[in-house]
Amino acid sequence: MTDKVEWNPPAATTKEELANVLYFSASGLKTQVLASALLHTNPKLKERISAIADELNGLQQDVFGI
């Protein structure tokens, strides 16, 4: 990977902002699960990261119940 991507969002002040942080976090992890050659060599870690991404996605839905 040659591109450096920095992402440090400010604290959310609305439900939409919080949901977006969770969505982008989950999406970034899922991208790694699907595309990272490093994770393809470590199936256990790949599975754990995928589960975390799924949990973040579920939390995104929960935000609107706050």
N, C-alpha and C. Protein backbone atom coordinates (compact mmCIF):
# COMPACT_ATOMS: atom_id res chain seq x y z
N MET A 1 0.85 -1.17 0.00
CA MET A 1 0.00 0.00 0.00
C MET A 1 0.89 1.24 0.00
N THR A 2 0.72 2.06 -0.98
CA THR A 2 1.55 3.24 -1.09
C THR A 2 0.84 4.52 -0.68
N ASP A 3 -0.49 4.49 -0.66
CA ASP A 3 -1.24 5.68 -0.28
C ASP A 3 -1.47 5.69 1.23
N LYS A 4 -1.26 6.84 1.82
CA LYS A 4 -1.52 7.01 3.24
C LYS A 4 -2.84 7.76 3.38
N VAL A 5 -3.76 7.16 4.10
CA VAL A 5 -5.05 7.78 4.31
C VAL A 5 -5.20 8.04 5.80
N GLU A 6 -5.37 9.30 6.15
CA GLU A 6 -5.61 9.66 7.53
C GLU A 6 -7.07 10.01 7.71
N TRP A 7 -7.63 9.52 8.80
CA TRP A 7 -9.03 9.80 9.07
C TRP A 7 -9.23 9.84 10.56
N ASN A 8 -9.50 11.00 11.07
CA ASN A 8 -9.75 11.17 12.49
C ASN A 8 -10.91 12.15 12.63
N PRO A 9 -12.14 11.63 12.51
CA PRO A 9 -13.29 12.52 12.53
C PRO A 9 -13.50 13.15 13.90
N PRO A 10 -14.08 14.32 13.92
CA PRO A 10 -14.40 14.95 15.20
C PRO A 10 -15.53 14.19 15.89
N ALA A 11 -15.73 14.48 17.16
CA ALA A 11 -16.80 13.84 17.91
C ALA A 11 -18.15 14.16 17.25
N ALA A 12 -18.98 13.14 17.15
CA ALA A 12 -20.29 13.30 16.53
C ALA A 12 -21.19 14.16 17.42
N THR A 13 -21.97 15.01 16.79
CA THR A 13 -22.93 15.83 17.52
C THR A 13 -24.37 15.50 17.13
N THR A 14 -24.53 14.66 16.12
CA THR A 14 -25.87 14.23 15.70
C THR A 14 -25.86 12.72 15.50
N LYS A 15 -27.04 12.14 15.46
CA LYS A 15 -27.16 10.70 15.20
C LYS A 15 -26.59 10.35 13.83
N GLU A 16 -26.85 11.21 12.87
CA GLU A 16 -26.36 10.96 11.51
C GLU A 16 -24.83 10.93 11.47
N GLU A 17 -24.20 11.87 12.18
CA GLU A 17 -22.73 11.89 12.21
C GLU A 17 -22.18 10.63 12.86
N LEU A 18 -22.79 10.19 13.95
CA LEU A 18 -22.34 8.98 14.61
C LEU A 18 -22.55 7.76 13.73
N ALA A 19 -23.69 7.68 13.08
CA ALA A 19 -23.97 6.57 12.17
C ALA A 19 -22.96 6.56 11.03
N ASN A 20 -22.60 7.75 10.53
CA ASN A 20 -21.62 7.82 9.44
C ASN A 20 -20.25 7.33 9.89
N VAL A 21 -19.82 7.68 11.09
CA VAL A 21 -18.53 7.21 11.60
C VAL A 21 -18.53 5.68 11.66
N LEU A 22 -19.60 5.11 12.18
CA LEU A 22 -19.69 3.65 12.27
C LEU A 22 -19.70 3.02 10.87
N TYR A 23 -20.45 3.63 9.96
CA TYR A 23 -20.53 3.11 8.59
C TYR A 23 -19.16 3.12 7.90
N PHE A 24 -18.48 4.24 7.97
CA PHE A 24 -17.18 4.35 7.31
C PHE A 24 -16.15 3.43 7.95
N SER A 25 -16.24 3.26 9.26
CA SER A 25 -15.33 2.34 9.94
C SER A 25 -15.58 0.91 9.48
N ALA A 26 -16.84 0.52 9.46
CA ALA A 26 -17.20 -0.83 9.02
C ALA A 26 -16.81 -1.05 7.57
N SER A 27 -17.05 -0.07 6.74
CA SER A 27 -16.71 -0.20 5.31
C SER A 27 -15.21 -0.35 5.10
N GLY A 28 -14.43 0.42 5.84
CA GLY A 28 -12.97 0.32 5.73
C GLY A 28 -12.48 -1.06 6.13
N LEU A 29 -13.04 -1.59 7.21
CA LEU A 29 -12.63 -2.93 7.65
C LEU A 29 -13.06 -3.99 6.64
N LYS A 30 -14.27 -3.88 6.11
CA LYS A 30 -14.73 -4.86 5.11
C LYS A 30 -13.86 -4.81 3.85
N THR A 31 -13.44 -3.62 3.46
CA THR A 31 -12.54 -3.51 2.31
C THR A 31 -11.26 -4.29 2.57
N GLN A 32 -10.73 -4.18 3.76
CA GLN A 32 -9.51 -4.91 4.10
C GLN A 32 -9.75 -6.41 4.08
N VAL A 33 -10.89 -6.84 4.62
CA VAL A 33 -11.23 -8.26 4.65
C VAL A 33 -11.31 -8.82 3.22
N LEU A 34 -11.89 -8.04 2.32
CA LEU A 34 -12.06 -8.52 0.95
C LEU A 34 -10.80 -8.41 0.10
N ALA A 35 -9.96 -7.41 0.37
CA ALA A 35 -8.87 -7.12 -0.56
C ALA A 35 -7.46 -7.31 -0.03
N SER A 36 -7.29 -7.38 1.27
CA SER A 36 -5.93 -7.44 1.81
C SER A 36 -5.31 -8.82 1.67
N ALA A 37 -4.21 -8.87 0.96
CA ALA A 37 -3.48 -10.13 0.82
C ALA A 37 -2.95 -10.61 2.18
N LEU A 38 -2.62 -9.68 3.02
CA LEU A 38 -2.13 -10.02 4.36
C LEU A 38 -3.18 -10.81 5.13
N LEU A 39 -4.43 -10.38 5.06
CA LEU A 39 -5.48 -11.09 5.78
C LEU A 39 -5.82 -12.43 5.16
N HIS A 40 -5.57 -12.58 3.86
CA HIS A 40 -5.83 -13.87 3.22
C HIS A 40 -4.86 -14.93 3.73
N THR A 41 -3.75 -14.52 4.29
CA THR A 41 -2.79 -15.48 4.84
C THR A 41 -3.07 -15.77 6.31
N ASN A 42 -4.03 -15.06 6.90
CA ASN A 42 -4.36 -15.26 8.31
C ASN A 42 -5.89 -15.31 8.44
N PRO A 43 -6.49 -16.47 8.14
CA PRO A 43 -7.95 -16.57 8.13
C PRO A 43 -8.61 -16.25 9.48
N LYS A 44 -7.95 -16.59 10.57
CA LYS A 44 -8.54 -16.31 11.88
C LYS A 44 -8.66 -14.81 12.13
N LEU A 45 -7.61 -14.06 11.81
CA LEU A 45 -7.65 -12.62 11.96
C LEU A 45 -8.67 -12.01 10.99
N LYS A 46 -8.70 -12.52 9.78
CA LYS A 46 -9.66 -12.04 8.78
C LYS A 46 -11.09 -12.22 9.29
N GLU A 47 -11.37 -13.36 9.88
CA GLU A 47 -12.71 -13.64 10.41
C GLU A 47 -13.05 -12.69 11.57
N ARG A 48 -12.09 -12.44 12.44
CA ARG A 48 -12.33 -11.54 13.57
C ARG A 48 -12.61 -10.12 13.10
N ILE A 49 -11.82 -9.65 12.14
CA ILE A 49 -12.01 -8.28 11.63
C ILE A 49 -13.36 -8.18 10.92
N SER A 50 -13.73 -9.21 10.20
CA SER A 50 -15.03 -9.22 9.53
C SER A 50 -16.16 -9.15 10.55
N ALA A 51 -16.03 -9.88 11.65
CA ALA A 51 -17.05 -9.86 12.70
C ALA A 51 -17.15 -8.48 13.34
N ILE A 52 -16.01 -7.83 13.54
CA ILE A 52 -16.02 -6.47 14.11
C ILE A 52 -16.73 -5.52 13.15
N ALA A 53 -16.46 -5.64 11.87
CA ALA A 53 -17.13 -4.79 10.88
C ALA A 53 -18.63 -5.02 10.90
N ASP A 54 -19.04 -6.27 11.01
CA ASP A 54 -20.48 -6.57 11.09
C ASP A 54 -21.10 -5.96 12.34
N GLU A 55 -20.38 -6.02 13.46
CA GLU A 55 -20.88 -5.45 14.70
C GLU A 55 -21.01 -3.93 14.57
N LEU A 56 -20.03 -3.29 13.97
CA LEU A 56 -20.11 -1.84 13.75
C LEU A 56 -21.31 -1.48 12.87
N ASN A 57 -21.55 -2.31 11.87
CA ASN A 57 -22.69 -2.07 10.99
C ASN A 57 -24.00 -2.18 11.78
N GLY A 58 -24.08 -3.17 12.68
CA GLY A 58 -25.27 -3.30 13.51
C GLY A 58 -25.43 -2.12 14.46
N LEU A 59 -24.33 -1.65 15.01
CA LEU A 59 -24.39 -0.48 15.90
C LEU A 59 -24.88 0.75 15.15
N GLN A 60 -24.53 0.84 13.88
CA GLN A 60 -24.99 1.96 13.08
C GLN A 60 -26.51 2.00 13.06
N GLN A 61 -27.14 0.85 12.94
CA GLN A 61 -28.59 0.79 12.95
C GLN A 61 -29.14 1.17 14.33
N ASP A 62 -28.43 0.76 15.39
CA ASP A 62 -28.87 1.04 16.76
C ASP A 62 -28.84 2.53 17.11
N VAL A 63 -28.00 3.28 16.44
CA VAL A 63 -27.85 4.71 16.74
C VAL A 63 -29.19 5.42 16.66
N PHE A 64 -30.00 5.03 15.73
CA PHE A 64 -31.26 5.74 15.53
C PHE A 64 -32.30 5.36 16.58
N GLY A 65 -31.99 4.37 17.42
CA GLY A 65 -32.87 4.02 18.52
C GLY A 65 -32.53 4.77 19.79
N ILE A 66 -31.48 5.60 19.74
CA ILE A 66 -31.06 6.36 20.92
C ILE A 66 -32.09 7.42 21.25
